[in-house]
PDB file of N, CA and C in Angstrom:
ATOM      1  N   MET A   1      10.735  -0.518 -12.638  1.00  0.00           N
ATOM      2  CA  MET A   1       9.618  -0.289 -11.753  1.00  0.00           C
ATOM      3  C   MET A   1       8.450  -1.182 -12.262  1.00  0.00           C
ATOM      4  N   LYS A   2       7.750  -1.894 -11.317  1.00  0.00           N
ATOM      5  CA  LYS A   2       6.643  -2.814 -11.655  1.00  0.00           C
ATOM      6  C   LYS A   2       5.476  -2.120 -11.074  1.00  0.00           C
ATOM      7  N   ILE A   3       4.430  -2.053 -11.977  1.00  0.00           N
ATOM      8  CA  ILE A   3       3.091  -1.512 -11.601  1.00  0.00           C
ATOM      9  C   ILE A   3       2.019  -2.647 -11.467  1.00  0.00           C
ATOM     10  N   GLU A   4       1.394  -2.710 -10.309  1.00  0.00           N
ATOM     11  CA  GLU A   4       0.385  -3.755 -10.163  1.00  0.00           C
ATOM     12  C   GLU A   4      -0.955  -3.161  -9.834  1.00  0.00           C
ATOM     13  N   LYS A   5      -1.984  -3.513 -10.489  1.00  0.00           N
ATOM     14  CA  LYS A   5      -3.314  -2.976 -10.359  1.00  0.00           C
ATOM     15  C   LYS A   5      -4.057  -3.852  -9.135  1.00  0.00           C
ATOM     16  N   ILE A   6      -4.310  -3.301  -8.088  1.00  0.00           N
ATOM     17  CA  ILE A   6      -4.926  -4.018  -7.065  1.00  0.00           C
ATOM     18  C   ILE A   6      -6.412  -3.514  -6.962  1.00  0.00           C
ATOM     19  N   GLY A   7      -7.429  -4.471  -7.047  1.00  0.00           N
ATOM     20  CA  GLY A   7      -8.891  -4.172  -7.014  1.00  0.00           C
ATOM     21  C   GLY A   7      -9.357  -4.179  -5.663  1.00  0.00           C
ATOM     22  N   ILE A   8     -10.061  -3.244  -5.194  1.00  0.00           N
ATOM     23  CA  ILE A   8     -10.816  -3.267  -3.911  1.00  0.00           C
ATOM     24  C   ILE A   8     -12.271  -2.983  -4.201  1.00  0.00           C
ATOM     25  N   ASN A   9     -13.053  -3.663  -3.240  1.00  0.00           N
ATOM     26  CA  ASN A   9     -14.519  -3.509  -3.462  1.00  0.00           C
ATOM     27  C   ASN A   9     -15.160  -2.818  -2.260  1.00  0.00           C
ATOM     28  N   THR A  10     -14.326  -2.163  -1.525  1.00  0.00           N
ATOM     29  CA  THR A  10     -14.656  -1.389  -0.304  1.00  0.00           C
ATOM     30  C   THR A  10     -14.343   0.141  -0.531  1.00  0.00           C
ATOM     31  N   GLU A  11     -14.782   0.914   0.390  1.00  0.00           N
ATOM     32  CA  GLU A  11     -14.494   2.435   0.176  1.00  0.00           C
ATOM     33  C   GLU A  11     -13.047   2.606   0.321  1.00  0.00           C
ATOM     34  N   PHE A  12     -12.299   1.888   1.285  1.00  0.00           N
ATOM     35  CA  PHE A  12     -10.897   2.075   1.469  1.00  0.00           C
ATOM     36  C   PHE A  12     -10.283   0.821   1.898  1.00  0.00           C
ATOM     37  N   ILE A  13      -8.989   0.725   1.953  1.00  0.00           N
ATOM     38  CA  ILE A  13      -8.269  -0.393   2.665  1.00  0.00           C
ATOM     39  C   ILE A  13      -7.118   0.364   3.408  1.00  0.00           C
ATOM     40  N   LYS A  14      -6.762  -0.100   4.626  1.00  0.00           N
ATOM     41  CA  LYS A  14      -5.708   0.468   5.361  1.00  0.00           C
ATOM     42  C   LYS A  14      -4.382   0.058   4.803  1.00  0.00           C
ATOM     43  N   MET A  15      -3.377   0.967   4.942  1.00  0.00           N
ATOM     44  CA  MET A  15      -2.056   0.799   4.313  1.00  0.00           C
ATOM     45  C   MET A  15      -1.450  -0.562   4.557  1.00  0.00           C
ATOM     46  N   ASP A  16      -1.385  -0.907   5.954  1.00  0.00           N
ATOM     47  CA  ASP A  16      -0.737  -2.061   6.244  1.00  0.00           C
ATOM     48  C   ASP A  16      -1.510  -3.304   5.746  1.00  0.00           C
ATOM     49  N   SER A  17      -2.881  -3.277   5.731  1.00  0.00           N
ATOM     50  CA  SER A  17      -3.652  -4.390   5.084  1.00  0.00           C
ATOM     51  C   SER A  17      -3.358  -4.514   3.637  1.00  0.00           C
ATOM     52  N   LEU A  18      -3.257  -3.329   2.942  1.00  0.00           N
ATOM     53  CA  LEU A  18      -3.003  -3.347   1.416  1.00  0.00           C
ATOM     54  C   LEU A  18      -1.668  -4.034   1.122  1.00  0.00           C
ATOM     55  N   LEU A  19      -0.651  -3.802   1.820  1.00  0.00           N
ATOM     56  CA  LEU A  19       0.629  -4.342   1.589  1.00  0.00           C
ATOM     57  C   LEU A  19       0.634  -5.890   1.781  1.00  0.00           C
ATOM     58  N   LYS A  20      -0.078  -6.428   2.839  1.00  0.00           N
ATOM     59  CA  LYS A  20      -0.297  -7.751   2.997  1.00  0.00           C
ATOM     60  C   LYS A  20      -1.143  -8.426   1.812  1.00  0.00           C
ATOM     61  N   TYR A  21      -2.377  -7.727   1.537  1.00  0.00           N
ATOM     62  CA  TYR A  21      -3.307  -8.259   0.545  1.00  0.00           C
ATOM     63  C   TYR A  21      -2.565  -8.340  -0.826  1.00  0.00           C
ATOM     64  N   ALA A  22      -1.661  -7.343  -1.140  1.00  0.00           N
ATOM     65  CA  ALA A  22      -1.073  -7.394  -2.361  1.00  0.00           C
ATOM     66  C   ALA A  22       0.096  -8.337  -2.486  1.00  0.00           C
ATOM     67  N   GLY A  23       0.459  -8.872  -1.416  1.00  0.00           N
ATOM     68  CA  GLY A  23       1.674  -9.806  -1.311  1.00  0.00           C
ATOM     69  C   GLY A  23       3.048  -9.032  -1.348  1.00  0.00           C
ATOM     70  N   VAL A  24       3.062  -7.795  -1.143  1.00  0.00           N
ATOM     71  CA  VAL A  24       4.262  -7.058  -1.025  1.00  0.00           C
ATOM     72  C   VAL A  24       4.966  -7.236   0.241  1.00  0.00           C
ATOM     73  N   CYS A  25       4.222  -7.489   1.294  1.00  0.00           N
ATOM     74  CA  CYS A  25       4.754  -7.951   2.539  1.00  0.00           C
ATOM     75  C   CYS A  25       4.049  -9.220   2.949  1.00  0.00           C
ATOM     76  N   MET A  26       4.731 -10.067   3.607  1.00  0.00           N
ATOM     77  CA  MET A  26       4.357 -11.445   3.916  1.00  0.00           C
ATOM     78  C   MET A  26       3.495 -11.324   5.270  1.00  0.00           C
ATOM     79  N   THR A  27       3.849 -10.514   6.226  1.00  0.00           N
ATOM     80  CA  THR A  27       3.067 -10.477   7.478  1.00  0.00           C
ATOM     81  C   THR A  27       2.682  -9.001   7.776  1.00  0.00           C
ATOM     82  N   GLY A  28       1.753  -8.876   8.737  1.00  0.00           N
ATOM     83  CA  GLY A  28       1.393  -7.563   9.217  1.00  0.00           C
ATOM     84  C   GLY A  28       2.586  -6.840   9.856  1.00  0.00           C
ATOM     85  N   GLY A  29       3.444  -7.568  10.620  1.00  0.00           N
ATOM     86  CA  GLY A  29       4.557  -7.113  11.288  1.00  0.00           C
ATOM     87  C   GLY A  29       5.594  -6.529  10.244  1.00  0.00           C
ATOM     88  N   GLU A  30       5.756  -7.198   9.251  1.00  0.00           N
ATOM     89  CA  GLU A  30       6.690  -6.701   8.124  1.00  0.00           C
ATOM     90  C   GLU A  30       6.066  -5.337   7.501  1.00  0.00           C
ATOM     91  N   ALA A  31       4.840  -5.297   7.296  1.00  0.00           N
ATOM     92  CA  ALA A  31       4.148  -4.157   6.784  1.00  0.00           C
ATOM     93  C   ALA A  31       4.319  -2.975   7.784  1.00  0.00           C
ATOM     94  N   LYS A  32       4.059  -3.295   9.063  1.00  0.00           N
ATOM     95  CA  LYS A  32       4.239  -2.239   9.995  1.00  0.00           C
ATOM     96  C   LYS A  32       5.663  -1.647   9.995  1.00  0.00           C
ATOM     97  N   THR A  33       6.622  -2.482  10.017  1.00  0.00           N
ATOM     98  CA  THR A  33       7.995  -2.069   9.978  1.00  0.00           C
ATOM     99  C   THR A  33       8.434  -1.159   8.802  1.00  0.00           C
ATOM    100  N   VAL A  34       8.130  -1.694   7.613  1.00  0.00           N
ATOM    101  CA  VAL A  34       8.393  -0.862   6.329  1.00  0.00           C
ATOM    102  C   VAL A  34       7.765   0.498   6.448  1.00  0.00           C
ATOM    103  N   ILE A  35       6.407   0.494   6.890  1.00  0.00           N
ATOM    104  CA  ILE A  35       5.673   1.818   6.850  1.00  0.00           C
ATOM    105  C   ILE A  35       6.390   2.758   7.941  1.00  0.00           C
ATOM    106  N   GLU A  36       6.675   2.224   9.117  1.00  0.00           N
ATOM    107  CA  GLU A  36       7.165   2.984  10.240  1.00  0.00           C
ATOM    108  C   GLU A  36       8.632   3.425   9.829  1.00  0.00           C
ATOM    109  N   GLU A  37       9.420   2.755   9.115  1.00  0.00           N
ATOM    110  CA  GLU A  37      10.682   3.234   8.693  1.00  0.00           C
ATOM    111  C   GLU A  37      10.752   4.126   7.449  1.00  0.00           C
ATOM    112  N   GLY A  38       9.515   4.503   7.040  1.00  0.00           N
ATOM    113  CA  GLY A  38       9.433   5.475   5.970  1.00  0.00           C
ATOM    114  C   GLY A  38       9.807   4.965   4.523  1.00  0.00           C
ATOM    115  N   MET A  39       9.550   3.720   4.301  1.00  0.00           N
ATOM    116  CA  MET A  39       9.981   3.081   3.191  1.00  0.00           C
ATOM    117  C   MET A  39       8.779   2.996   2.095  1.00  0.00           C
ATOM    118  N   VAL A  40       7.599   3.501   2.570  1.00  0.00           N
ATOM    119  CA  VAL A  40       6.414   3.350   1.726  1.00  0.00           C
ATOM    120  C   VAL A  40       6.087   4.733   1.273  1.00  0.00           C
ATOM    121  N   PHE A  41       5.704   4.965   0.002  1.00  0.00           N
ATOM    122  CA  PHE A  41       5.255   6.139  -0.592  1.00  0.00           C
ATOM    123  C   PHE A  41       3.775   6.111  -0.879  1.00  0.00           C
ATOM    124  N   PHE A  42       3.061   7.151  -0.427  1.00  0.00           N
ATOM    125  CA  PHE A  42       1.625   7.181  -0.833  1.00  0.00           C
ATOM    126  C   PHE A  42       1.419   8.466  -1.724  1.00  0.00           C
ATOM    127  N   ASN A  43       1.050   8.161  -2.966  1.00  0.00           N
ATOM    128  CA  ASN A  43       0.857   9.263  -4.000  1.00  0.00           C
ATOM    129  C   ASN A  43       2.101  10.128  -4.064  1.00  0.00           C
ATOM    130  N   GLY A  44       3.307   9.435  -4.059  1.00  0.00           N
ATOM    131  CA  GLY A  44       4.518  10.099  -4.088  1.00  0.00           C
ATOM    132  C   GLY A  44       5.128  10.795  -2.893  1.00  0.00           C
ATOM    133  N   GLU A  45       4.381  10.658  -1.798  1.00  0.00           N
ATOM    134  CA  GLU A  45       4.823  11.248  -0.458  1.00  0.00           C
ATOM    135  C   GLU A  45       5.077  10.149   0.477  1.00  0.00           C
ATOM    136  N   VAL A  46       6.090  10.297   1.357  1.00  0.00           N
ATOM    137  CA  VAL A  46       6.399   9.276   2.376  1.00  0.00           C
ATOM    138  C   VAL A  46       5.254   9.166   3.246  1.00  0.00           C
ATOM    139  N   CYS A  47       4.915   7.902   3.580  1.00  0.00           N
ATOM    140  CA  CYS A  47       3.677   7.735   4.550  1.00  0.00           C
ATOM    141  C   CYS A  47       4.265   6.753   5.685  1.00  0.00           C
ATOM    142  N   THR A  48       4.058   7.367   6.903  1.00  0.00           N
ATOM    143  CA  THR A  48       4.396   6.435   8.064  1.00  0.00           C
ATOM    144  C   THR A  48       3.245   6.095   8.896  1.00  0.00           C
ATOM    145  N   MET A  49       2.024   6.260   8.381  1.00  0.00           N
ATOM    146  CA  MET A  49       0.839   5.812   9.055  1.00  0.00           C
ATOM    147  C   MET A  49       0.349   4.685   8.512  1.00  0.00           C
ATOM    148  N   ARG A  50       0.402   3.569   9.420  1.00  0.00           N
ATOM    149  CA  ARG A  50      -0.079   2.285   8.870  1.00  0.00           C
ATOM    150  C   ARG A  50      -1.529   2.037   8.740  1.00  0.00           C
ATOM    151  N   GLY A  51      -2.281   3.043   9.315  1.00  0.00           N
ATOM    152  CA  GLY A  51      -3.783   2.887   9.197  1.00  0.00           C
ATOM    153  C   GLY A  51      -4.278   4.006   8.151  1.00  0.00           C
ATOM    154  N   LYS A  52      -3.317   4.505   7.338  1.00  0.00           N
ATOM    155  CA  LYS A  52      -3.763   5.445   6.320  1.00  0.00           C
ATOM    156  C   LYS A  52      -4.756   4.783   5.404  1.00  0.00           C
ATOM    157  N   LYS A  53      -5.734   5.444   5.086  1.00  0.00           N
ATOM    158  CA  LYS A  53      -6.852   4.986   4.261  1.00  0.00           C
ATOM    159  C   LYS A  53      -6.541   5.059   2.792  1.00  0.00           C
ATOM    160  N   VAL A  54      -6.309   4.022   2.038  1.00  0.00           N
ATOM    161  CA  VAL A  54      -6.022   4.011   0.750  1.00  0.00           C
ATOM    162  C   VAL A  54      -7.243   3.778  -0.094  1.00  0.00           C
ATOM    163  N   ARG A  55      -7.582   4.600  -1.106  1.00  0.00           N
ATOM    164  CA  ARG A  55      -8.810   4.522  -1.858  1.00  0.00           C
ATOM    165  C   ARG A  55      -8.499   4.371  -3.311  1.00  0.00           C
ATOM    166  N   VAL A  56      -9.569   4.084  -4.060  1.00  0.00           N
ATOM    167  CA  VAL A  56      -9.372   3.862  -5.483  1.00  0.00           C
ATOM    168  C   VAL A  56      -8.785   5.078  -6.102  1.00  0.00           C
ATOM    169  N   GLY A  57      -7.754   4.904  -6.959  1.00  0.00           N
ATOM    170  CA  GLY A  57      -7.151   6.039  -7.637  1.00  0.00           C
ATOM    171  C   GLY A  57      -5.751   6.339  -7.050  1.00  0.00           C
ATOM    172  N   ASP A  58      -5.578   5.837  -5.821  1.00  0.00           N
ATOM    173  CA  ASP A  58      -4.370   6.132  -5.113  1.00  0.00           C
ATOM    174  C   ASP A  58      -3.280   5.142  -5.549  1.00  0.00           C
ATOM    175  N   LYS A  59      -2.011   5.602  -5.324  1.00  0.00           N
ATOM    176  CA  LYS A  59      -0.771   4.763  -5.705  1.00  0.00           C
ATOM    177  C   LYS A  59       0.115   4.677  -4.499  1.00  0.00           C
ATOM    178  N   VAL A  60       0.473   3.307  -4.236  1.00  0.00           N
ATOM    179  CA  VAL A  60       1.371   3.106  -3.067  1.00  0.00           C
ATOM    180  C   VAL A  60       2.593   2.481  -3.701  1.00  0.00           C
ATOM    181  N   THR A  61       3.815   2.957  -3.161  1.00  0.00           N
ATOM    182  CA  THR A  61       5.111   2.382  -3.767  1.00  0.00           C
ATOM    183  C   THR A  61       5.960   1.977  -2.529  1.00  0.00           C
ATOM    184  N   LEU A  62       6.478   0.686  -2.774  1.00  0.00           N
ATOM    185  CA  LEU A  62       7.437   0.108  -1.802  1.00  0.00           C
ATOM    186  C   LEU A  62       8.509  -0.512  -2.650  1.00  0.00           C
ATOM    187  N   GLY A  63       9.734   0.063  -2.542  1.00  0.00           N
ATOM    188  CA  GLY A  63      10.776  -0.482  -3.352  1.00  0.00           C
ATOM    189  C   GLY A  63      10.489  -0.141  -4.904  1.00  0.00           C
ATOM    190  N   ASP A  64      10.597  -1.288  -5.649  1.00  0.00           N
ATOM    191  CA  ASP A  64      10.420  -1.131  -7.095  1.00  0.00           C
ATOM    192  C   ASP A  64       8.947  -1.508  -7.546  1.00  0.00           C
ATOM    193  N   VAL A  65       8.123  -1.604  -6.588  1.00  0.00           N
ATOM    194  CA  VAL A  65       6.687  -2.027  -6.859  1.00  0.00           C
ATOM    195  C   VAL A  65       5.710  -0.886  -6.522  1.00  0.00           C
ATOM    196  N   THR A  66       4.986  -0.514  -7.550  1.00  0.00           N
ATOM    197  CA  THR A  66       3.850   0.498  -7.303  1.00  0.00           C
ATOM    198  C   THR A  66       2.498  -0.222  -7.366  1.00  0.00           C
ATOM    199  N   LEU A  67       1.740  -0.026  -6.491  1.00  0.00           N
ATOM    200  CA  LEU A  67       0.318  -0.525  -6.399  1.00  0.00           C
ATOM    201  C   LEU A  67      -0.613   0.507  -6.713  1.00  0.00           C
ATOM    202  N   GLU A  68      -1.387   0.222  -7.911  1.00  0.00           N
ATOM    203  CA  GLU A  68      -2.345   1.202  -8.269  1.00  0.00           C
ATOM    204  C   GLU A  68      -3.686   0.718  -7.926  1.00  0.00           C
ATOM    205  N   ILE A  69      -4.486   1.429  -7.050  1.00  0.00           N
ATOM    206  CA  ILE A  69      -5.707   0.915  -6.580  1.00  0.00           C
ATOM    207  C   ILE A  69      -6.837   1.192  -7.493  1.00  0.00           C
ATOM    208  N   ILE A  70      -7.476   0.161  -7.900  1.00  0.00           N
ATOM    209  CA  ILE A  70      -8.664   0.210  -8.881  1.00  0.00           C
ATOM    210  C   ILE A  70      -9.920  -0.354  -8.164  1.00  0.00           C
ATOM    211  N   GLU A  71     -10.986  -0.098  -8.803  1.00  0.00           N
ATOM    212  CA  GLU A  71     -12.316  -0.656  -8.313  1.00  0.00           C
ATOM    213  C   GLU A  71     -12.437  -2.102  -8.838  1.00  0.00           C
ATOM    214  N   LYS A  72     -12.817  -3.021  -7.893  1.00  0.00           N
ATOM    215  CA  LYS A  72     -12.983  -4.357  -8.180  1.00  0.00           C
ATOM    216  C   LYS A  72     -14.343  -4.665  -8.884  1.00  0.00           C
TER     217      LYS A  72
END
């Protein structure tokens, strides 16, 4: 498992935007698909909402990559 720290300087970032921003998904369409198919975990729970607000302290996992959100 690979853990990447991703810094944001806003209150939150939407799930699909985070996956693109972090480079885990190449396109918004790819992000939408993996989220809708239940392949993304938000703080350990399956998340199928692509507009889910991800904040500092949250963890998002897709495959063997976990994104830990930190303040930029």
